[in-house]
Amino acid sequence: MIRCITIDDEPHALRQMVDYVNKTPFLELAEKFENPLLALSYLQENPVDLIFIDINMPDLNGMDFVKSLQNPPKVIFTTAYSEYAVEGFKVNAVDYLLKPISYNDFLKAATKVQERLNVSNETVEDIQSNDDFLFIKSEYKILRINFSDIRYVESMQEYLRIHLENETPIMALMSMKKLESFLPITQFMRVHRSYIVNLSKITRIERNRIVFDNKVYIPISDQYKDQFQEFLNKNFLV
């Protein structure tokens, strides 16, 4: 796990970063700060691996904050001002995120830190399954996931988001290919390089897309179209 703190004088921006950290499996939030001076005091007694820090703050801006550290951890700057980018890299920042920050950009930056720290990932290394469910190791927990509860799986680069019925999605660090090998082929089908769907959960298809809840549209790519059409043909009442 990568221990980190977030520093931002804007409460809304700070909440967003905290949310992003909490939903990223290999990050552990040690503390959050609106006041950089309090963060400076905290770091004197509590070393961390990574700092997410805004630049334009009162009392002490993020750039000066990092320069004041004798042995700074990895740093990712978050700011609304693009003119700081070059200066940010001069202090060996891992990345520079321009607000508003998407989770995808946040995850890319955090993954860079993970690669540089060469952290052995304990998030999801093993899967154990049988005909009805699988177990996934996530952080310090082993989670049981019933196949019948999975609606669809979404790829997010190195990560998967497993969408479940009436539950919060589970983030897992693994490839689609690996998870696909553990899912029963009679129940699950890959319809796009970024999506696997539970065939039993499909209730509506339109314009070559699978629709969930009138708001989630999963495309059926050309690569998987024939396979999916074969499934439809076998279950289509003419």
C-alpha atoms as a PDB file:
ATOM      1  CA  MET A   1       0.000   0.000   0.000  1.00  0.00           C
ATOM      2  CA  ILE A   2       1.102   3.550  -0.740  1.00  0.00           C
ATOM      3  CA  ARG A   3       0.492   5.872   2.215  1.00  0.00           C
ATOM      4  CA  CYS A   4      -0.442   9.365   1.114  1.00  0.00           C
ATOM      5  CA  ILE A   5      -1.797  12.703   2.268  1.00  0.00           C
ATOM      6  CA  THR A   6      -3.858  15.245   0.347  1.00  0.00           C
ATOM      7  CA  ILE A   7      -3.464  19.002   0.735  1.00  0.00           C
ATOM      8  CA  ASP A   8      -5.848  21.566  -0.750  1.00  0.00           C
ATOM      9  CA  ASP A   9      -7.327  24.735   0.718  1.00  0.00           C
ATOM     10  CA  GLU A  10     -10.517  24.302  -1.337  1.00  0.00           C
ATOM     11  CA  PRO A  11     -12.902  21.969   0.576  1.00  0.00           C
ATOM     12  CA  HIS A  12     -14.623  20.684  -2.569  1.00  0.00           C
ATOM     13  CA  ALA A  13     -11.342  19.871  -4.300  1.00  0.00           C
ATOM     14  CA  LEU A  14     -10.030  18.225  -1.131  1.00  0.00           C
ATOM     15  CA  ARG A  15     -13.154  16.032  -0.866  1.00  0.00           C
ATOM     16  CA  GLN A  16     -12.743  14.938  -4.472  1.00  0.00           C
ATOM     17  CA  MET A  17      -9.134  13.925  -3.939  1.00  0.00           C
ATOM     18  CA  VAL A  18     -10.028  12.042  -0.754  1.00  0.00           C
ATOM     19  CA  ASP A  19     -12.747  10.201  -2.667  1.00  0.00           C
ATOM     20  CA  TYR A  20     -10.310   9.316  -5.454  1.00  0.00           C
ATOM     21  CA  VAL A  21      -7.731   8.026  -2.974  1.00  0.00           C
ATOM     22  CA  ASN A  22     -10.300   5.941  -1.104  1.00  0.00           C
ATOM     23  CA  LYS A  23     -11.500   4.186  -4.241  1.00  0.00           C
ATOM     24  CA  THR A  24      -7.989   3.372  -5.490  1.00  0.00           C
ATOM     25  CA  PRO A  25      -7.034  -0.056  -4.111  1.00  0.00           C
ATOM     26  CA  PHE A  26      -3.292   0.487  -3.708  1.00  0.00           C
ATOM     27  CA  LEU A  27      -3.561   3.904  -1.982  1.00  0.00           C
ATOM     28  CA  GLU A  28      -4.051   4.442   1.748  1.00  0.00           C
ATOM     29  CA  LEU A  29      -5.105   7.875   2.978  1.00  0.00           C
ATOM     30  CA  ALA A  30      -3.052   8.769   6.036  1.00  0.00           C
ATOM     31  CA  GLU A  31      -4.478  12.282   6.486  1.00  0.00           C
ATOM     32  CA  LYS A  32      -6.017  15.246   4.666  1.00  0.00           C
ATOM     33  CA  PHE A  33      -5.293  18.957   5.175  1.00  0.00           C
ATOM     34  CA  GLU A  34      -6.737  22.302   4.133  1.00  0.00           C
ATOM     35  CA  ASN A  35      -3.850  24.109   5.828  1.00  0.00           C
ATOM     36  CA  PRO A  36      -0.388  23.271   4.407  1.00  0.00           C
ATOM     37  CA  LEU A  37       1.317  24.408   7.635  1.00  0.00           C
ATOM     38  CA  LEU A  38      -0.505  21.683   9.549  1.00  0.00           C
ATOM     39  CA  ALA A  39       0.565  19.184   6.914  1.00  0.00           C
ATOM     40  CA  LEU A  40       4.162  20.296   7.305  1.00  0.00           C
ATOM     41  CA  SER A  41       3.985  19.660  11.036  1.00  0.00           C
ATOM     42  CA  TYR A  42       2.348  16.272  10.474  1.00  0.00           C
ATOM     43  CA  LEU A  43       5.096  15.099   8.112  1.00  0.00           C
ATOM     44  CA  GLN A  44       7.797  15.775  10.702  1.00  0.00           C
ATOM     45  CA  GLU A  45       6.477  12.849  12.749  1.00  0.00           C
ATOM     46  CA  ASN A  46       4.581  10.817  10.141  1.00  0.00           C
ATOM     47  CA  PRO A  47       6.439   9.877   6.966  1.00  0.00           C
ATOM     48  CA  VAL A  48       4.351   9.059   3.900  1.00  0.00           C
ATOM     49  CA  ASP A  49       5.055   7.745   0.404  1.00  0.00           C
ATOM     50  CA  LEU A  50       3.085  10.282  -1.606  1.00  0.00           C
ATOM     51  CA  ILE A  51       1.652  13.791  -1.392  1.00  0.00           C
ATOM     52  CA  PHE A  52      -1.212  15.131  -3.511  1.00  0.00           C
ATOM     53  CA  ILE A  53      -0.911  18.896  -3.157  1.00  0.00           C
ATOM     54  CA  ASP A  54      -2.478  22.013  -4.636  1.00  0.00           C
ATOM     55  CA  ILE A  55      -0.079  24.776  -5.642  1.00  0.00           C
ATOM     56  CA  ASN A  56      -1.964  28.050  -5.257  1.00  0.00           C
ATOM     57  CA  MET A  57      -2.669  28.178  -1.491  1.00  0.00           C
ATOM     58  CA  PRO A  58      -2.445  30.927   1.138  1.00  0.00           C
ATOM     59  CA  ASP A  59       0.317  30.985   3.770  1.00  0.00           C
ATOM     60  CA  LEU A  60       2.469  28.460   1.893  1.00  0.00           C
ATOM     61  CA  ASN A  61       2.036  27.487  -1.747  1.00  0.00           C
ATOM     62  CA  GLY A  62       2.483  23.898  -2.825  1.00  0.00           C
ATOM     63  CA  MET A  63       5.725  24.477  -4.674  1.00  0.00           C
ATOM     64  CA  ASP A  64       7.414  26.107  -1.686  1.00  0.00           C
ATOM     65  CA  PHE A  65       5.954  23.399   0.545  1.00  0.00           C
ATOM     66  CA  VAL A  66       7.721  20.671  -1.418  1.00  0.00           C
ATOM     67  CA  LYS A  67      10.971  22.646  -1.614  1.00  0.00           C
ATOM     68  CA  SER A  68      10.969  22.992   2.179  1.00  0.00           C
ATOM     69  CA  LEU A  69      11.011  19.210   2.725  1.00  0.00           C
ATOM     70  CA  GLN A  70      14.438  17.706   3.372  1.00  0.00           C
ATOM     71  CA  ASN A  71      13.527  14.260   2.072  1.00  0.00           C
ATOM     72  CA  PRO A  72      10.313  14.752   0.114  1.00  0.00           C
ATOM     73  CA  PRO A  73       8.188  11.743  -0.798  1.00  0.00           C
ATOM     74  CA  LYS A  74       6.720  11.358  -4.258  1.00  0.00           C
ATOM     75  CA  VAL A  75       4.637  14.383  -5.233  1.00  0.00           C
ATOM     76  CA  ILE A  76       1.670  14.892  -7.539  1.00  0.00           C
ATOM     77  CA  PHE A  77       0.606  18.503  -7.957  1.00  0.00           C
ATOM     78  CA  THR A  78      -3.058  19.374  -8.406  1.00  0.00           C
ATOM     79  CA  THR A  79      -3.888  22.874  -9.590  1.00  0.00           C
ATOM     80  CA  ALA A  80      -6.091  24.987 -11.813  1.00  0.00           C
ATOM     81  CA  TYR A  81      -3.118  26.889 -13.217  1.00  0.00           C
ATOM     82  CA  SER A  82      -1.210  25.359 -16.116  1.00  0.00           C
ATOM     83  CA  GLU A  83       1.676  27.840 -15.903  1.00  0.00           C
ATOM     84  CA  TYR A  84       3.113  25.952 -12.917  1.00  0.00           C
ATOM     85  CA  ALA A  85       3.699  22.747 -14.883  1.00  0.00           C
ATOM     86  CA  VAL A  86       7.338  23.323 -15.816  1.00  0.00           C
ATOM     87  CA  GLU A  87       8.282  24.450 -12.311  1.00  0.00           C
ATOM     88  CA  GLY A  88       6.510  21.393 -10.924  1.00  0.00           C
ATOM     89  CA  PHE A  89       8.700  19.014 -12.844  1.00  0.00           C
ATOM     90  CA  LYS A  90      11.802  20.913 -11.705  1.00  0.00           C
ATOM     91  CA  VAL A  91      11.145  19.636  -8.191  1.00  0.00           C
ATOM     92  CA  ASN A  92      10.837  16.069  -9.528  1.00  0.00           C
ATOM     93  CA  ALA A  93       7.065  15.850  -9.292  1.00  0.00           C
ATOM     94  CA  VAL A  94       5.756  12.551 -10.587  1.00  0.00           C
ATOM     95  CA  ASP A  95       2.857  14.247 -12.314  1.00  0.00           C
ATOM     96  CA  TYR A  96       0.924  17.466 -12.636  1.00  0.00           C
ATOM     97  CA  LEU A  97      -2.881  17.253 -12.713  1.00  0.00           C
ATOM     98  CA  LEU A  98      -4.851  20.183 -14.040  1.00  0.00           C
ATOM     99  CA  LYS A  99      -8.240  20.826 -12.456  1.00  0.00           C
ATOM    100  CA  PRO A 100     -10.942  19.709 -12.971  1.00  0.00           C
ATOM    101  CA  ILE A 101      -9.337  16.299 -12.489  1.00  0.00           C
ATOM    102  CA  SER A 102     -10.972  13.149 -13.805  1.00  0.00           C
ATOM    103  CA  TYR A 103     -10.536   9.860 -11.971  1.00  0.00           C
ATOM    104  CA  ASN A 104      -8.906   8.382 -15.058  1.00  0.00           C
ATOM    105  CA  ASP A 105      -6.154  11.033 -14.995  1.00  0.00           C
ATOM    106  CA  PHE A 106      -5.790  10.614 -11.228  1.00  0.00           C
ATOM    107  CA  LEU A 107      -5.389   6.852 -11.603  1.00  0.00           C
ATOM    108  CA  LYS A 108      -2.760   7.240 -14.329  1.00  0.00           C
ATOM    109  CA  ALA A 109      -0.718   9.540 -12.094  1.00  0.00           C
ATOM    110  CA  ALA A 110      -1.064   7.278  -9.050  1.00  0.00           C
ATOM    111  CA  THR A 111      -0.008   4.272 -11.125  1.00  0.00           C
ATOM    112  CA  LYS A 112       3.174   6.121 -12.098  1.00  0.00           C
ATOM    113  CA  VAL A 113       3.986   6.442  -8.414  1.00  0.00           C
ATOM    114  CA  GLN A 114       3.297   2.773  -7.873  1.00  0.00           C
ATOM    115  CA  GLU A 115       5.686   1.863 -10.677  1.00  0.00           C
ATOM    116  CA  ARG A 116       8.415   4.133  -9.334  1.00  0.00           C
ATOM    117  CA  LEU A 117       8.111   2.851  -5.803  1.00  0.00           C
ATOM    118  CA  ASN A 118       7.994  -0.692  -7.098  1.00  0.00           C
ATOM    119  CA  VAL A 119       5.360  -1.495  -4.515  1.00  0.00           C
ATOM    120  CA  SER A 120       4.472  -5.164  -4.443  1.00  0.00           C
ATOM    121  CA  ASN A 121       0.765  -5.100  -5.023  1.00  0.00           C
ATOM    122  CA  GLU A 122      -1.340  -6.884  -2.446  1.00  0.00           C
ATOM    123  CA  THR A 123      -4.629  -5.640  -3.807  1.00  0.00           C
ATOM    124  CA  VAL A 124      -5.617  -8.503  -6.054  1.00  0.00           C
ATOM    125  CA  GLU A 125      -3.114 -11.247  -6.734  1.00  0.00           C
ATOM    126  CA  ASP A 126      -5.217 -14.361  -6.577  1.00  0.00           C
ATOM    127  CA  ILE A 127      -8.652 -15.494  -7.618  1.00  0.00           C
ATOM    128  CA  GLN A 128     -10.314 -18.652  -6.405  1.00  0.00           C
ATOM    129  CA  SER A 129     -13.591 -19.738  -7.888  1.00  0.00           C
ATOM    130  CA  ASN A 130     -16.070 -22.544  -8.326  1.00  0.00           C
ATOM    131  CA  ASP A 131     -19.279 -22.892 -10.332  1.00  0.00           C
ATOM    132  CA  ASP A 132     -21.273 -20.283  -8.417  1.00  0.00           C
ATOM    133  CA  PHE A 133     -18.904 -17.686  -7.007  1.00  0.00           C
ATOM    134  CA  LEU A 134     -15.327 -16.503  -6.749  1.00  0.00           C
ATOM    135  CA  PHE A 135     -13.144 -15.024  -4.047  1.00  0.00           C
ATOM    136  CA  ILE A 136     -11.041 -11.961  -4.774  1.00  0.00           C
ATOM    137  CA  LYS A 137      -8.262 -10.750  -2.516  1.00  0.00           C
ATOM    138  CA  SER A 138      -8.668  -7.021  -2.037  1.00  0.00           C
ATOM    139  CA  GLU A 139      -6.326  -5.106   0.260  1.00  0.00           C
ATOM    140  CA  TYR A 140      -6.544  -6.990   3.557  1.00  0.00           C
ATOM    141  CA  LYS A 141      -9.902  -8.577   2.809  1.00  0.00           C
ATOM    142  CA  ILE A 142     -11.020 -11.563   0.818  1.00  0.00           C
ATOM    143  CA  LEU A 143     -14.318 -10.800  -0.883  1.00  0.00           C
ATOM    144  CA  ARG A 144     -16.799 -13.368  -2.105  1.00  0.00           C
ATOM    145  CA  ILE A 145     -18.574 -12.404  -5.317  1.00  0.00           C
ATOM    146  CA  ASN A 146     -21.489 -14.480  -6.505  1.00  0.00           C
ATOM    147  CA  PHE A 147     -21.608 -14.818 -10.276  1.00  0.00           C
ATOM    148  CA  SER A 148     -25.332 -14.111 -10.135  1.00  0.00           C
ATOM    149  CA  ASP A 149     -24.619 -10.696  -8.552  1.00  0.00           C
ATOM    150  CA  ILE A 150     -22.285  -9.492 -11.309  1.00  0.00           C
ATOM    151  CA  ARG A 151     -23.967  -7.280 -13.889  1.00  0.00           C
ATOM    152  CA  TYR A 152     -20.947  -6.333 -15.961  1.00  0.00           C
ATOM    153  CA  VAL A 153     -17.220  -5.778 -15.695  1.00  0.00           C
ATOM    154  CA  GLU A 154     -15.553  -2.608 -16.935  1.00  0.00           C
ATOM    155  CA  SER A 155     -11.865  -2.285 -17.772  1.00  0.00           C
ATOM    156  CA  MET A 156     -10.036   0.827 -16.570  1.00  0.00           C
ATOM    157  CA  GLN A 157      -6.535   0.295 -17.952  1.00  0.00           C
ATOM    158  CA  GLU A 158      -4.751  -1.839 -15.320  1.00  0.00           C
ATOM    159  CA  TYR A 159      -7.889  -2.041 -13.196  1.00  0.00           C
ATOM    160  CA  LEU A 160     -11.296  -3.643 -13.426  1.00  0.00           C
ATOM    161  CA  ARG A 161     -14.500  -2.284 -11.979  1.00  0.00           C
ATOM    162  CA  ILE A 162     -16.878  -5.126 -11.177  1.00  0.00           C
ATOM    163  CA  HIS A 163     -20.446  -3.795 -11.158  1.00  0.00           C
ATOM    164  CA  LEU A 164     -22.776  -5.703  -8.851  1.00  0.00           C
ATOM    165  CA  GLU A 165     -26.506  -5.800  -8.203  1.00  0.00           C
ATOM    166  CA  ASN A 166     -27.447  -3.234  -5.541  1.00  0.00           C
ATOM    167  CA  GLU A 167     -23.880  -2.931  -4.249  1.00  0.00           C
ATOM    168  CA  THR A 168     -20.915  -0.620  -4.640  1.00  0.00           C
ATOM    169  CA  PRO A 169     -18.650  -1.661  -7.536  1.00  0.00           C
ATOM    170  CA  ILE A 170     -15.427  -3.442  -6.600  1.00  0.00           C
ATOM    171  CA  MET A 171     -12.109  -2.181  -7.955  1.00  0.00           C
ATOM    172  CA  ALA A 172      -9.612  -4.906  -8.752  1.00  0.00           C
ATOM    173  CA  LEU A 173      -6.076  -4.771 -10.109  1.00  0.00           C
ATOM    174  CA  MET A 174      -5.997  -7.456 -12.805  1.00  0.00           C
ATOM    175  CA  SER A 175      -6.467  -7.929 -16.516  1.00  0.00           C
ATOM    176  CA  MET A 176      -9.744  -8.618 -18.271  1.00  0.00           C
ATOM    177  CA  LYS A 177      -8.194 -11.766 -19.696  1.00  0.00           C
ATOM    178  CA  LYS A 178      -7.402 -13.127 -16.250  1.00  0.00           C
ATOM    179  CA  LEU A 179     -10.870 -12.527 -14.826  1.00  0.00           C
ATOM    180  CA  GLU A 180     -12.511 -13.778 -18.007  1.00  0.00           C
ATOM    181  CA  SER A 181     -10.747 -17.117 -17.594  1.00  0.00           C
ATOM    182  CA  PHE A 182     -12.474 -17.599 -14.223  1.00  0.00           C
ATOM    183  CA  LEU A 183     -15.993 -16.663 -15.331  1.00  0.00           C
ATOM    184  CA  PRO A 184     -18.310 -19.389 -16.662  1.00  0.00           C
ATOM    185  CA  ILE A 185     -18.543 -19.019 -20.446  1.00  0.00           C
ATOM    186  CA  THR A 186     -22.208 -20.032 -20.425  1.00  0.00           C
ATOM    187  CA  GLN A 187     -23.059 -17.016 -18.290  1.00  0.00           C
ATOM    188  CA  PHE A 188     -20.571 -14.301 -19.249  1.00  0.00           C
ATOM    189  CA  MET A 189     -19.434 -12.887 -22.567  1.00  0.00           C
ATOM    190  CA  ARG A 190     -16.917 -10.275 -23.572  1.00  0.00           C
ATOM    191  CA  VAL A 191     -18.637  -7.841 -25.926  1.00  0.00           C
ATOM    192  CA  HIS A 192     -15.951  -5.171 -26.111  1.00  0.00           C
ATOM    193  CA  ARG A 193     -12.281  -4.938 -25.172  1.00  0.00           C
ATOM    194  CA  SER A 194     -13.418  -2.944 -22.132  1.00  0.00           C
ATOM    195  CA  TYR A 195     -16.563  -4.849 -21.133  1.00  0.00           C
ATOM    196  CA  ILE A 196     -17.702  -8.295 -20.017  1.00  0.00           C
ATOM    197  CA  VAL A 197     -21.439  -8.712 -19.421  1.00  0.00           C
ATOM    198  CA  ASN A 198     -23.524 -11.195 -17.491  1.00  0.00           C
ATOM    199  CA  LEU A 199     -25.801 -12.536 -20.221  1.00  0.00           C
ATOM    200  CA  SER A 200     -28.588 -13.253 -17.758  1.00  0.00           C
ATOM    201  CA  LYS A 201     -28.748  -9.554 -16.825  1.00  0.00           C
ATOM    202  CA  ILE A 202     -29.393  -8.306 -20.362  1.00  0.00           C
ATOM    203  CA  THR A 203     -32.928  -7.005 -20.760  1.00  0.00           C
ATOM    204  CA  ARG A 204     -32.536  -4.454 -23.525  1.00  0.00           C
ATOM    205  CA  ILE A 205     -30.427  -3.999 -26.649  1.00  0.00           C
ATOM    206  CA  GLU A 206     -30.613  -1.041 -28.987  1.00  0.00           C
ATOM    207  CA  ARG A 207     -28.394   0.312 -31.742  1.00  0.00           C
ATOM    208  CA  ASN A 208     -25.767  -2.318 -31.123  1.00  0.00           C
ATOM    209  CA  ARG A 209     -25.535  -1.431 -27.449  1.00  0.00           C
ATOM    210  CA  ILE A 210     -26.568  -3.216 -24.275  1.00  0.00           C
ATOM    211  CA  VAL A 211     -28.557  -0.899 -22.040  1.00  0.00           C
ATOM    212  CA  PHE A 212     -28.598  -1.119 -18.253  1.00  0.00           C
ATOM    213  CA  ASP A 213     -31.016   1.072 -16.264  1.00  0.00           C
ATOM    214  CA  ASN A 214     -31.566   3.451 -19.188  1.00  0.00           C
ATOM    215  CA  LYS A 215     -28.280   5.164 -18.377  1.00  0.00           C
ATOM    216  CA  VAL A 216     -25.449   2.672 -18.927  1.00  0.00           C
ATOM    217  CA  TYR A 217     -24.744   1.896 -22.572  1.00  0.00           C
ATOM    218  CA  ILE A 218     -22.264  -0.878 -23.286  1.00  0.00           C
ATOM    219  CA  PRO A 219     -21.092  -1.032 -26.900  1.00  0.00           C
ATOM    220  CA  ILE A 220     -20.812  -4.299 -28.797  1.00  0.00           C
ATOM    221  CA  SER A 221     -17.642  -4.026 -30.848  1.00  0.00           C
ATOM    222  CA  ASP A 222     -17.117  -5.570 -34.275  1.00  0.00           C
ATOM    223  CA  GLN A 223     -14.601  -8.005 -32.832  1.00  0.00           C
ATOM    224  CA  TYR A 224     -17.269  -9.640 -30.640  1.00  0.00           C
ATOM    225  CA  LYS A 225     -20.375  -8.944 -32.723  1.00  0.00           C
ATOM    226  CA  ASP A 226     -20.624 -12.385 -34.355  1.00  0.00           C
ATOM    227  CA  GLN A 227     -20.278 -14.203 -31.049  1.00  0.00           C
ATOM    228  CA  PHE A 228     -22.928 -12.021 -29.462  1.00  0.00           C
ATOM    229  CA  GLN A 229     -25.250 -12.435 -32.445  1.00  0.00           C
ATOM    230  CA  GLU A 230     -24.927 -16.197 -32.122  1.00  0.00           C
ATOM    231  CA  PHE A 231     -26.066 -15.914 -28.510  1.00  0.00           C
ATOM    232  CA  LEU A 232     -29.058 -13.845 -29.614  1.00  0.00           C
ATOM    233  CA  ASN A 233     -29.985 -16.260 -32.365  1.00  0.00           C
ATOM    234  CA  LYS A 234     -30.053 -19.156 -29.916  1.00  0.00           C
ATOM    235  CA  ASN A 235     -32.371 -17.257 -27.601  1.00  0.00           C
ATOM    236  CA  PHE A 236     -34.470 -15.294 -30.090  1.00  0.00           C
ATOM    237  CA  LEU A 237     -38.160 -16.066 -30.465  1.00  0.00           C
ATOM    238  CA  VAL A 238     -39.196 -15.412 -34.037  1.00  0.00           C
END
